[in-house]
Amino acid sequence: MTAQPVADRGRWRILALLAAAELLGMSLWFTASAVSPQLRTLWGLSEAQAGWLTGAVQLGFVAGTTLAAVLNLADVLPARGYFAVSALLAAGANLALVRAGGYPAALAARFATGFFLAGVYPPAMKMVATWFRTSRGVAIGTVVGALTVGKATPYLLRAFPGLGWRTVVAAASAGAVVAGILVAVGYRDGPFPFARRPFAWARAASVVRHRATRLAIGGYLGHMWELYAMWTFVSLFFHDFFARQGLGEGAAAARAGVVGFAVIAAGGAGSVLAGEWADRLERERVTIWAMAVSGACALTMGWLLSAPAALAIAVALVWGFAVVADSAQFSAVVTEVAPDHAVGTALTLQTALGFLLTSVTISAVPPLRDAGGWPLAFGVLALGPAVGIVAMRRLRVLRRP
């Protein structure tokens, strides 16, 4: 019997299970961002401080992924247990936000949440890949799409006026607990395991010297420059949008929550479709198209604060679709072009540098908004896709036969 029919038995069930687990588990990421208006009032925070409640998650995630790579946890520990325990610990760290007595404790809780999510996000990509040799772009795109919808979920919960911010945080933690249980009970490794290669920083030099890998990572960094800052602040933009239309604080926050959820969740469809396109077309071409559209939306969005609601929401939905559509394909490209002995190192460097960069743009948006309004704050995000397009065009030429 060939390997692929063996993989076909149950691989779509595993994909559905991992997608559900990612949706529930990654709902922890933006809980503080979703309830930031309440936290700002509670602790007297500036917009920059509120932004760092998400920035701390980014830094915690970098620390967690780096430590996991150095200790080779994804190979040393069984995938099912590693994911399940990480999800439970992340749920507990997120719930600590409810009992945080002030801003410093909240930052620590958010950092810990990102640290433990390092055992929920990257391992799932590897877990699903053990089941898919064909249709891998669709499979990984589906997982990325699910986690994108999961990250949007707190914004939807915030839209219900009867739910206080503590309930939103607790509901996200409950979802992560369910995610851990799903994987602990229902997951098993597929028939296409990866060779075990321990991480080694000594390989970083060979990655940096390898031009194709540098270009692939450069494209990813351009993508990440825009992605998380957009996700973090698009709901705040619509809060200002609806407030300018004369809605009260409660109504503006509720509508902004619904739109924020819809915009981020639109990326779920984008990830799945881009995965399908990338399996049939060049991955570089798909990333270039996605960054061109998202960069154009970044340049446009800030000028729509007084536009008709239908126009502003339509542009935002297109932005949400495109901004993450290419995300999974950057990792796939790195696995294709990096030297065989340094694929793990290349992926680790890509992830660490990308999420470090997101903390820069997340912290930059509030002062840019204060200095020049939303046109400046969102317009600066378009610099990332511009640089990313240049890198991926050069990589496309380099890889062309």
Protein backbone atom coordinates (compact mmCIF):
# COMPACT_ATOMS: atom_id res chain seq x y z
CA MET A 1 0.00 0.00 0.00
CA THR A 2 1.41 3.43 -0.89
CA ALA A 3 2.10 6.04 1.74
CA GLN A 4 -0.47 8.52 0.52
CA PRO A 5 -3.55 6.25 0.90
CA VAL A 6 -2.33 5.52 4.43
CA ALA A 7 -2.15 9.24 5.07
CA ASP A 8 -5.59 9.78 3.58
CA ARG A 9 -7.14 7.63 6.28
CA GLY A 10 -7.96 10.13 8.95
CA ARG A 11 -5.82 13.03 7.79
CA TRP A 12 -8.81 15.29 7.20
CA ARG A 13 -10.16 14.42 10.64
CA ILE A 14 -6.79 15.34 12.15
CA LEU A 15 -6.77 18.58 10.17
CA ALA A 16 -10.22 19.47 11.50
CA LEU A 17 -9.16 18.63 15.05
CA LEU A 18 -5.99 20.74 14.86
CA ALA A 19 -7.88 23.61 13.24
CA ALA A 20 -10.45 23.58 16.05
CA ALA A 21 -7.69 23.40 18.67
CA GLU A 22 -5.82 26.33 17.11
CA LEU A 23 -8.99 28.41 16.88
CA LEU A 24 -9.72 27.88 20.58
CA GLY A 25 -6.15 28.06 21.81
CA MET A 26 -5.07 31.17 19.94
CA SER A 27 -8.07 33.13 21.21
CA LEU A 28 -5.75 34.06 24.09
CA TRP A 29 -3.51 36.27 21.95
CA PHE A 30 -5.59 39.44 21.71
CA THR A 31 -7.67 39.27 24.89
CA ALA A 32 -5.96 42.31 26.40
CA SER A 33 -6.17 44.23 23.13
CA ALA A 34 -9.88 43.45 22.83
CA VAL A 35 -10.64 44.77 26.31
CA SER A 36 -8.02 47.54 26.29
CA PRO A 37 -10.61 50.36 26.63
CA GLN A 38 -11.73 48.89 29.95
CA LEU A 39 -8.16 48.26 31.11
CA ARG A 40 -7.13 51.79 30.18
CA THR A 41 -9.93 53.17 32.32
CA LEU A 42 -9.25 50.74 35.18
CA TRP A 43 -5.51 51.41 35.44
CA GLY A 44 -5.24 54.85 33.82
CA LEU A 45 -3.14 53.59 30.90
CA SER A 46 -2.02 55.52 27.86
CA GLU A 47 -2.64 54.06 24.41
CA ALA A 48 1.05 53.16 24.17
CA GLN A 49 0.87 51.24 27.46
CA ALA A 50 -2.26 49.45 26.30
CA GLY A 51 -0.45 48.51 23.10
CA TRP A 52 2.32 46.90 25.12
CA LEU A 53 -0.21 44.48 26.61
CA THR A 54 -0.11 42.91 23.15
CA GLY A 55 3.58 43.66 22.60
CA ALA A 56 4.38 41.64 25.73
CA VAL A 57 2.68 38.62 24.15
CA GLN A 58 4.91 39.01 21.10
CA LEU A 59 8.07 39.12 23.23
CA GLY A 60 6.93 36.17 25.33
CA PHE A 61 6.30 34.20 22.17
CA VAL A 62 9.81 34.98 20.89
CA ALA A 63 11.30 33.84 24.20
CA GLY A 64 9.21 30.67 24.18
CA THR A 65 10.00 29.70 20.60
CA THR A 66 13.71 30.37 21.06
CA LEU A 67 13.90 28.29 24.23
CA ALA A 68 11.88 25.50 22.63
CA ALA A 69 14.26 25.48 19.67
CA VAL A 70 17.42 25.49 21.80
CA LEU A 71 16.07 22.62 23.93
CA ASN A 72 14.63 20.89 20.86
CA LEU A 73 11.33 20.41 22.71
CA ALA A 74 9.30 19.63 19.58
CA ASP A 75 11.43 16.51 19.01
CA VAL A 76 12.15 15.56 22.62
CA LEU A 77 8.54 15.72 23.83
CA PRO A 78 5.55 13.88 22.33
CA ALA A 79 3.65 16.37 20.19
CA ARG A 80 0.29 15.60 21.77
CA GLY A 81 1.48 16.19 25.32
CA TYR A 82 3.60 19.22 24.40
CA PHE A 83 0.64 20.95 22.77
CA ALA A 84 -1.87 20.02 25.47
CA VAL A 85 0.29 21.11 28.42
CA SER A 86 1.28 24.34 26.66
CA ALA A 87 -2.38 25.18 25.99
CA LEU A 88 -3.31 24.60 29.63
CA LEU A 89 -0.40 26.72 30.91
CA ALA A 90 -1.25 29.49 28.44
CA ALA A 91 -4.87 29.41 29.64
CA GLY A 92 -3.70 29.82 33.23
CA ALA A 93 -1.35 32.68 32.35
CA ASN A 94 -4.13 34.46 30.45
CA LEU A 95 -6.54 34.03 33.36
CA ALA A 96 -3.95 35.67 35.64
CA LEU A 97 -4.86 38.93 33.89
CA VAL A 98 -8.17 38.87 35.77
CA ARG A 99 -6.36 38.92 39.11
CA ALA A 100 -3.62 41.33 38.08
CA GLY A 101 -3.61 44.24 40.49
CA GLY A 102 -2.10 46.68 38.04
CA TYR A 103 -0.13 47.25 34.87
CA PRO A 104 3.17 45.53 35.80
CA ALA A 105 1.40 42.31 36.82
CA ALA A 106 -0.71 42.47 33.66
CA LEU A 107 2.42 42.78 31.51
CA ALA A 108 3.93 39.74 33.24
CA ALA A 109 0.73 37.74 32.65
CA ARG A 110 0.70 38.67 28.97
CA PHE A 111 4.37 37.79 28.55
CA ALA A 112 3.73 34.39 30.12
CA THR A 113 0.75 33.85 27.83
CA GLY A 114 2.90 34.43 24.75
CA PHE A 115 5.66 32.24 26.19
CA PHE A 116 3.36 29.24 26.56
CA LEU A 117 1.63 29.83 23.23
CA ALA A 118 4.98 28.94 21.68
CA GLY A 119 3.92 25.35 22.39
CA VAL A 120 0.54 25.82 20.70
CA TYR A 121 1.25 27.67 17.45
CA PRO A 122 4.50 26.36 15.83
CA PRO A 123 4.07 22.69 16.84
CA ALA A 124 0.66 22.57 15.15
CA MET A 125 2.29 23.41 11.80
CA LYS A 126 4.65 20.49 12.18
CA MET A 127 1.89 18.19 13.48
CA VAL A 128 -0.36 18.78 10.48
CA ALA A 129 2.58 18.44 8.07
CA THR A 130 3.19 14.87 9.32
CA TRP A 131 -0.17 13.99 7.72
CA PHE A 132 0.16 15.90 4.43
CA ARG A 133 2.72 15.57 1.68
CA THR A 134 0.25 16.53 -1.01
CA SER A 135 -2.11 19.47 -0.36
CA ARG A 136 0.27 20.74 2.31
CA GLY A 137 -0.38 24.35 1.36
CA VAL A 138 -4.11 23.90 1.89
CA ALA A 139 -3.56 22.02 5.15
CA ILE A 140 -1.19 24.57 6.69
CA GLY A 141 -3.32 27.41 5.32
CA THR A 142 -6.36 25.89 7.03
CA VAL A 143 -4.57 25.78 10.38
CA VAL A 144 -3.36 29.37 9.96
CA GLY A 145 -6.88 30.39 8.97
CA ALA A 146 -8.31 28.75 12.09
CA LEU A 147 -5.86 30.43 14.42
CA THR A 148 -6.59 33.75 12.69
CA VAL A 149 -10.29 33.39 13.47
CA GLY A 150 -9.34 32.37 17.00
CA LYS A 151 -7.31 35.53 17.48
CA ALA A 152 -10.35 37.53 16.37
CA THR A 153 -12.73 35.83 18.83
CA PRO A 154 -12.14 38.15 21.84
CA TYR A 155 -13.27 41.10 19.73
CA LEU A 156 -16.55 39.32 19.02
CA LEU A 157 -17.05 38.55 22.71
CA ARG A 158 -16.38 42.19 23.56
CA ALA A 159 -19.25 43.18 21.29
CA PHE A 160 -21.78 41.84 23.81
CA PRO A 161 -22.37 44.69 26.27
CA GLY A 162 -23.43 42.30 29.03
CA LEU A 163 -20.03 40.59 29.08
CA GLY A 164 -17.50 42.36 31.29
CA TRP A 165 -13.82 42.31 30.42
CA ARG A 166 -13.13 39.60 33.01
CA THR A 167 -15.71 37.35 31.34
CA VAL A 168 -14.06 37.87 27.95
CA VAL A 169 -10.66 36.90 29.38
CA ALA A 170 -12.07 33.88 31.22
CA ALA A 171 -13.96 32.68 28.14
CA ALA A 172 -10.77 32.74 26.08
CA SER A 173 -8.96 30.74 28.77
CA ALA A 174 -11.77 28.20 28.80
CA GLY A 175 -11.40 27.83 25.05
CA ALA A 176 -7.67 27.11 25.42
CA VAL A 177 -8.42 24.43 28.01
CA VAL A 178 -10.79 22.76 25.56
CA ALA A 179 -8.07 22.98 22.88
CA GLY A 180 -5.62 21.15 25.11
CA ILE A 181 -8.16 18.44 25.86
CA LEU A 182 -9.02 18.00 22.17
CA VAL A 183 -5.40 17.37 21.22
CA ALA A 184 -4.67 15.22 24.27
CA VAL A 185 -7.58 12.93 23.49
CA GLY A 186 -7.81 12.96 19.69
CA TYR A 187 -4.42 13.63 18.09
CA ARG A 188 -1.80 11.15 16.89
CA ASP A 189 1.25 11.69 14.68
CA GLY A 190 0.95 11.08 10.95
CA PRO A 191 2.90 8.74 8.66
CA PHE A 192 5.36 11.40 7.45
CA PRO A 193 7.52 12.33 10.46
CA PHE A 194 10.34 14.85 10.14
CA ALA A 195 13.98 13.96 10.67
CA ARG A 196 15.14 15.06 14.11
CA ARG A 197 17.81 17.73 13.89
CA PRO A 198 18.76 19.61 17.05
CA PHE A 199 18.83 23.39 16.85
CA ALA A 200 22.29 24.95 16.77
CA TRP A 201 23.07 28.65 16.74
CA ALA A 202 26.26 27.80 14.85
CA ARG A 203 24.05 27.14 11.82
CA ALA A 204 22.76 30.70 11.90
CA ALA A 205 25.83 31.94 10.01
CA SER A 206 25.15 29.56 7.13
CA VAL A 207 21.53 30.77 7.01
CA VAL A 208 22.61 34.41 6.88
CA ARG A 209 25.11 33.67 4.10
CA HIS A 210 22.49 31.81 2.03
CA ARG A 211 20.95 34.38 -0.31
CA ALA A 212 17.68 32.59 -1.05
CA THR A 213 17.01 32.08 2.65
CA ARG A 214 17.83 35.72 3.40
CA LEU A 215 15.34 36.84 0.77
CA ALA A 216 12.62 34.49 2.07
CA ILE A 217 13.13 35.77 5.62
CA GLY A 218 13.19 39.34 4.32
CA GLY A 219 9.80 38.83 2.69
CA TYR A 220 8.44 37.42 5.95
CA LEU A 221 9.75 40.39 7.93
CA GLY A 222 8.00 42.79 5.56
CA HIS A 223 4.80 40.83 6.09
CA MET A 224 5.17 40.84 9.89
CA TRP A 225 5.91 44.58 9.98
CA GLU A 226 2.29 45.11 8.99
CA LEU A 227 0.35 42.10 10.27
CA TYR A 228 0.15 42.30 14.07
CA ALA A 229 -0.03 46.08 14.25
CA MET A 230 -3.00 45.94 11.89
CA TRP A 231 -4.65 43.19 13.94
CA THR A 232 -4.03 45.09 17.18
CA PHE A 233 -5.37 48.48 16.12
CA VAL A 234 -8.03 47.94 13.47
CA SER A 235 -10.71 47.66 16.15
CA LEU A 236 -9.48 50.90 17.78
CA PHE A 237 -9.71 52.60 14.39
CA PHE A 238 -13.35 51.57 14.09
CA HIS A 239 -13.99 52.67 17.67
CA ASP A 240 -12.86 56.15 16.59
CA PHE A 241 -14.85 55.76 13.36
CA PHE A 242 -18.15 55.02 15.09
CA ALA A 243 -17.54 57.58 17.83
CA ARG A 244 -17.08 60.23 15.12
CA GLN A 245 -20.49 59.22 13.78
CA GLY A 246 -21.99 60.22 17.12
CA LEU A 247 -22.43 56.83 18.78
CA GLY A 248 -22.00 56.59 22.53
CA GLU A 249 -19.06 54.79 24.09
CA GLY A 250 -20.90 51.51 24.61
CA ALA A 251 -22.40 51.37 21.12
CA ALA A 252 -19.12 52.42 19.47
CA ALA A 253 -17.19 49.75 21.37
CA ALA A 254 -19.74 47.05 20.50
CA ARG A 255 -19.76 47.86 16.78
CA ALA A 256 -15.98 48.16 16.72
CA GLY A 257 -15.77 44.73 18.30
CA VAL A 258 -17.98 43.16 15.65
CA VAL A 259 -16.10 44.82 12.79
CA GLY A 260 -12.74 43.97 14.36
CA PHE A 261 -13.75 40.33 14.59
CA ALA A 262 -14.99 40.26 10.99
CA VAL A 263 -11.85 41.94 9.63
CA ILE A 264 -9.40 39.64 11.39
CA ALA A 265 -11.53 36.55 10.75
CA ALA A 266 -11.59 37.37 7.02
CA GLY A 267 -7.95 36.34 7.08
CA GLY A 268 -9.10 32.80 7.81
CA ALA A 269 -10.60 32.55 4.35
CA GLY A 270 -7.54 34.27 2.93
CA SER A 271 -5.18 31.73 4.46
CA VAL A 272 -7.12 28.73 3.12
CA LEU A 273 -7.49 30.14 -0.39
CA ALA A 274 -3.86 31.29 -0.54
CA GLY A 275 -2.77 27.81 0.51
CA GLU A 276 -4.76 26.32 -2.36
CA TRP A 277 -3.35 28.88 -4.83
CA ALA A 278 0.20 28.30 -3.59
CA ASP A 279 -0.11 24.56 -4.23
CA ARG A 280 -0.93 25.33 -7.88
CA LEU A 281 1.07 28.52 -8.49
CA GLU A 282 4.42 29.84 -7.33
CA ARG A 283 4.44 30.56 -3.61
CA GLU A 284 6.41 33.74 -4.27
CA ARG A 285 3.73 34.96 -6.66
CA VAL A 286 1.00 34.45 -4.06
CA THR A 287 2.96 36.34 -1.39
CA ILE A 288 3.61 39.23 -3.79
CA TRP A 289 -0.06 39.53 -4.70
CA ALA A 290 -1.13 39.42 -1.06
CA MET A 291 1.38 42.06 0.05
CA ALA A 292 0.46 44.35 -2.86
CA VAL A 293 -3.21 44.29 -1.83
CA SER A 294 -2.57 44.63 1.90
CA GLY A 295 -0.07 47.46 1.38
CA ALA A 296 -2.58 49.35 -0.76
CA CYS A 297 -5.21 48.92 1.95
CA ALA A 298 -2.79 50.18 4.62
CA LEU A 299 -2.21 53.34 2.59
CA THR A 300 -5.96 53.83 2.10
CA MET A 301 -7.54 52.82 5.41
CA GLY A 302 -6.49 55.78 7.52
CA TRP A 303 -8.13 58.25 5.15
CA LEU A 304 -11.55 56.61 5.56
CA LEU A 305 -12.31 57.81 9.08
CA SER A 306 -15.11 60.03 7.73
CA ALA A 307 -16.09 57.81 4.80
CA PRO A 308 -19.41 55.96 4.51
CA ALA A 309 -19.43 52.94 6.81
CA ALA A 310 -19.97 50.51 3.93
CA LEU A 311 -16.81 51.72 2.16
CA ALA A 312 -14.62 51.73 5.28
CA ILE A 313 -15.74 48.24 6.31
CA ALA A 314 -15.32 46.87 2.77
CA VAL A 315 -11.72 48.10 2.54
CA ALA A 316 -11.01 46.76 6.02
CA LEU A 317 -12.38 43.32 5.09
CA VAL A 318 -10.16 43.19 1.99
CA TRP A 319 -7.22 44.22 4.16
CA GLY A 320 -8.01 41.52 6.71
CA PHE A 321 -8.26 38.93 3.93
CA ALA A 322 -4.94 39.87 2.30
CA VAL A 323 -2.80 40.76 5.29
CA VAL A 324 -2.50 37.16 6.53
CA ALA A 325 -3.21 35.23 3.33
CA ASP A 326 0.48 34.79 2.62
CA SER A 327 1.59 34.05 6.18
CA ALA A 328 1.88 30.27 5.98
CA GLN A 329 3.57 30.42 2.60
CA PHE A 330 6.63 32.25 3.93
CA SER A 331 7.41 29.34 6.23
CA ALA A 332 6.82 26.91 3.39
CA VAL A 333 9.24 28.84 1.19
CA VAL A 334 11.93 28.76 3.88
CA THR A 335 11.62 24.98 4.17
CA GLU A 336 12.08 24.76 0.39
CA VAL A 337 15.10 27.07 -0.05
CA ALA A 338 17.09 26.80 3.22
CA PRO A 339 20.10 24.45 3.33
CA ASP A 340 18.98 20.96 4.40
CA HIS A 341 21.16 20.98 7.51
CA ALA A 342 19.78 24.35 8.70
CA VAL A 343 16.03 24.33 8.03
CA GLY A 344 15.17 24.31 11.74
CA THR A 345 17.59 27.14 12.45
CA ALA A 346 16.22 29.17 9.55
CA LEU A 347 12.62 28.76 10.75
CA THR A 348 13.60 29.70 14.30
CA LEU A 349 15.43 32.83 13.15
CA GLN A 350 12.50 33.73 10.90
CA THR A 351 9.98 33.42 13.71
CA ALA A 352 12.09 35.17 16.34
CA LEU A 353 13.01 38.12 14.13
CA GLY A 354 9.47 38.45 12.81
CA PHE A 355 7.79 38.60 16.20
CA LEU A 356 10.47 40.92 17.60
CA LEU A 357 9.69 43.26 14.72
CA THR A 358 5.96 43.19 15.50
CA SER A 359 6.65 44.62 18.95
CA VAL A 360 8.28 47.63 17.24
CA THR A 361 5.34 48.43 15.01
CA ILE A 362 2.75 47.77 17.73
CA SER A 363 4.51 50.28 19.98
CA ALA A 364 4.91 52.77 17.11
CA VAL A 365 1.27 53.03 16.00
CA PRO A 366 -0.12 55.03 19.00
CA PRO A 367 2.47 57.86 18.84
CA LEU A 368 2.17 57.96 15.05
CA ARG A 369 -1.60 58.25 15.40
CA ASP A 370 -1.17 61.10 17.88
CA ALA A 371 1.30 62.85 15.57
CA GLY A 372 -0.44 62.48 12.23
CA GLY A 373 -3.69 60.62 12.71
CA TRP A 374 -4.65 57.25 11.26
CA PRO A 375 -3.34 58.04 7.74
CA LEU A 376 0.19 58.22 9.14
CA ALA A 377 -0.20 55.36 11.60
CA PHE A 378 -1.56 52.90 9.04
CA GLY A 379 0.42 54.34 6.14
CA VAL A 380 3.74 53.50 7.80
CA LEU A 381 2.64 49.85 7.91
CA ALA A 382 2.71 49.79 4.09
CA LEU A 383 6.52 50.05 4.21
CA GLY A 384 6.68 46.40 5.24
CA PRO A 385 4.81 44.95 2.25
CA ALA A 386 6.84 47.20 -0.07
CA VAL A 387 10.11 45.77 1.21
CA GLY A 388 8.64 42.26 1.26
CA ILE A 389 7.58 42.49 -2.38
CA VAL A 390 11.10 43.49 -3.44
CA ALA A 391 12.57 40.54 -1.52
CA MET A 392 10.12 38.00 -2.93
CA ARG A 393 10.48 39.28 -6.51
CA ARG A 394 14.24 38.80 -6.23
CA LEU A 395 13.73 35.33 -4.76
CA ARG A 396 11.37 34.45 -7.59
CA VAL A 397 14.02 35.41 -10.16
CA LEU A 398 16.68 33.50 -8.23
CA ARG A 399 14.59 30.30 -8.14
CA ARG A 400 13.41 30.53 -11.74
CA PRO A 401 14.95 27.70 -13.84
